């Protein structure tokens, strides 16, 4: 599974992208976020308020209850505004 982090999420996690093996108990984006929060203070800070984080699975915007599977590309980023 490929994870991508954009903007301040990249800064807080210290990563722009990474490849991980799908943890056995992770079935949804929400499960993945909960798992990521446990990886350390940078991840905990990045995902502390999911009202300001958006997710995309395989380049499609999704809700937190969206299923994930091995081989997916999951991106996390702040809301995008026009202007």
Protein backbone atom coordinates (compact mmCIF):
# COMPACT_ATOMS: atom_id res chain seq x y z
CA UNK A 1 0.00 0.00 0.00
CA UNK A 2 1.33 3.41 -0.93
CA UNK A 3 0.64 6.36 1.36
CA UNK A 4 1.06 9.98 0.28
CA UNK A 5 1.13 12.98 2.62
CA UNK A 6 0.68 16.55 1.38
CA UNK A 7 1.20 20.06 2.79
CA UNK A 8 1.39 20.24 6.60
CA UNK A 9 0.69 16.51 6.89
CA UNK A 10 4.03 15.95 5.15
CA UNK A 11 5.70 18.30 7.61
CA UNK A 12 4.19 16.69 10.69
CA UNK A 13 4.81 13.08 9.64
CA UNK A 14 8.23 13.84 8.18
CA UNK A 15 7.31 11.86 5.05
CA UNK A 16 6.05 12.71 1.59
CA UNK A 17 5.27 9.11 0.78
CA UNK A 18 5.88 5.59 1.99
CA UNK A 19 5.08 1.99 1.18
CA UNK A 20 3.58 -0.12 3.96
CA UNK A 21 2.16 -3.60 4.27
CA UNK A 22 -1.55 -3.37 5.05
CA UNK A 23 -1.94 -4.08 8.78
CA UNK A 24 -4.20 -7.08 9.36
CA UNK A 25 -6.87 -5.20 11.35
CA UNK A 26 -7.09 -2.23 8.94
CA UNK A 27 -10.18 -2.43 6.73
CA UNK A 28 -11.18 1.24 6.21
CA UNK A 29 -9.56 4.64 5.89
CA UNK A 30 -10.63 5.31 9.50
CA UNK A 31 -8.86 2.13 10.66
CA UNK A 32 -5.75 3.23 8.78
CA UNK A 33 -5.82 6.68 10.39
CA UNK A 34 -6.19 5.08 13.84
CA UNK A 35 -3.21 2.84 13.08
CA UNK A 36 -1.14 5.77 11.78
CA UNK A 37 -1.83 7.84 14.92
CA UNK A 38 -0.10 5.15 16.98
CA UNK A 39 3.15 5.45 15.00
CA UNK A 40 4.43 8.43 16.97
CA UNK A 41 3.87 12.05 17.94
CA UNK A 42 4.23 13.42 14.39
CA UNK A 43 1.55 11.08 13.07
CA UNK A 44 -0.65 11.71 16.09
CA UNK A 45 -0.41 15.47 15.48
CA UNK A 46 -1.04 15.12 11.75
CA UNK A 47 -4.24 13.13 12.25
CA UNK A 48 -5.55 14.61 15.50
CA UNK A 49 -8.41 16.50 13.78
CA UNK A 50 -9.87 14.62 10.84
CA UNK A 51 -12.24 17.52 10.12
CA UNK A 52 -9.27 19.23 8.43
CA UNK A 53 -7.84 16.19 6.64
CA UNK A 54 -9.16 14.76 3.37
CA UNK A 55 -8.41 11.32 1.96
CA UNK A 56 -8.32 9.86 -1.51
CA UNK A 57 -8.07 6.19 -2.41
CA UNK A 58 -6.68 5.51 -5.87
CA UNK A 59 -7.12 9.21 -6.73
CA UNK A 60 -10.82 9.40 -5.76
CA UNK A 61 -12.01 11.41 -2.77
CA UNK A 62 -13.49 9.11 -0.11
CA UNK A 63 -15.09 9.18 3.32
CA UNK A 64 -13.46 7.60 6.37
CA UNK A 65 -15.62 4.48 6.11
CA UNK A 66 -14.28 3.67 2.62
CA UNK A 67 -12.62 0.23 2.44
CA UNK A 68 -8.90 -0.10 1.78
CA UNK A 69 -6.92 -3.04 0.45
CA UNK A 70 -3.37 -4.06 -0.32
CA UNK A 71 -2.14 -2.28 -3.45
CA UNK A 72 -4.21 0.88 -2.89
CA UNK A 73 -2.70 4.34 -3.11
CA UNK A 74 -4.01 6.49 -0.27
CA UNK A 75 -3.37 10.23 -0.13
CA UNK A 76 -3.95 12.53 2.83
CA UNK A 77 -4.15 16.30 2.41
CA UNK A 78 -5.80 19.41 3.83
CA UNK A 79 -8.97 20.71 2.18
CA UNK A 80 -8.32 22.40 -1.16
CA UNK A 81 -9.72 25.86 -1.76
CA UNK A 82 -9.99 27.77 -4.99
CA UNK A 83 -8.84 31.25 -5.68
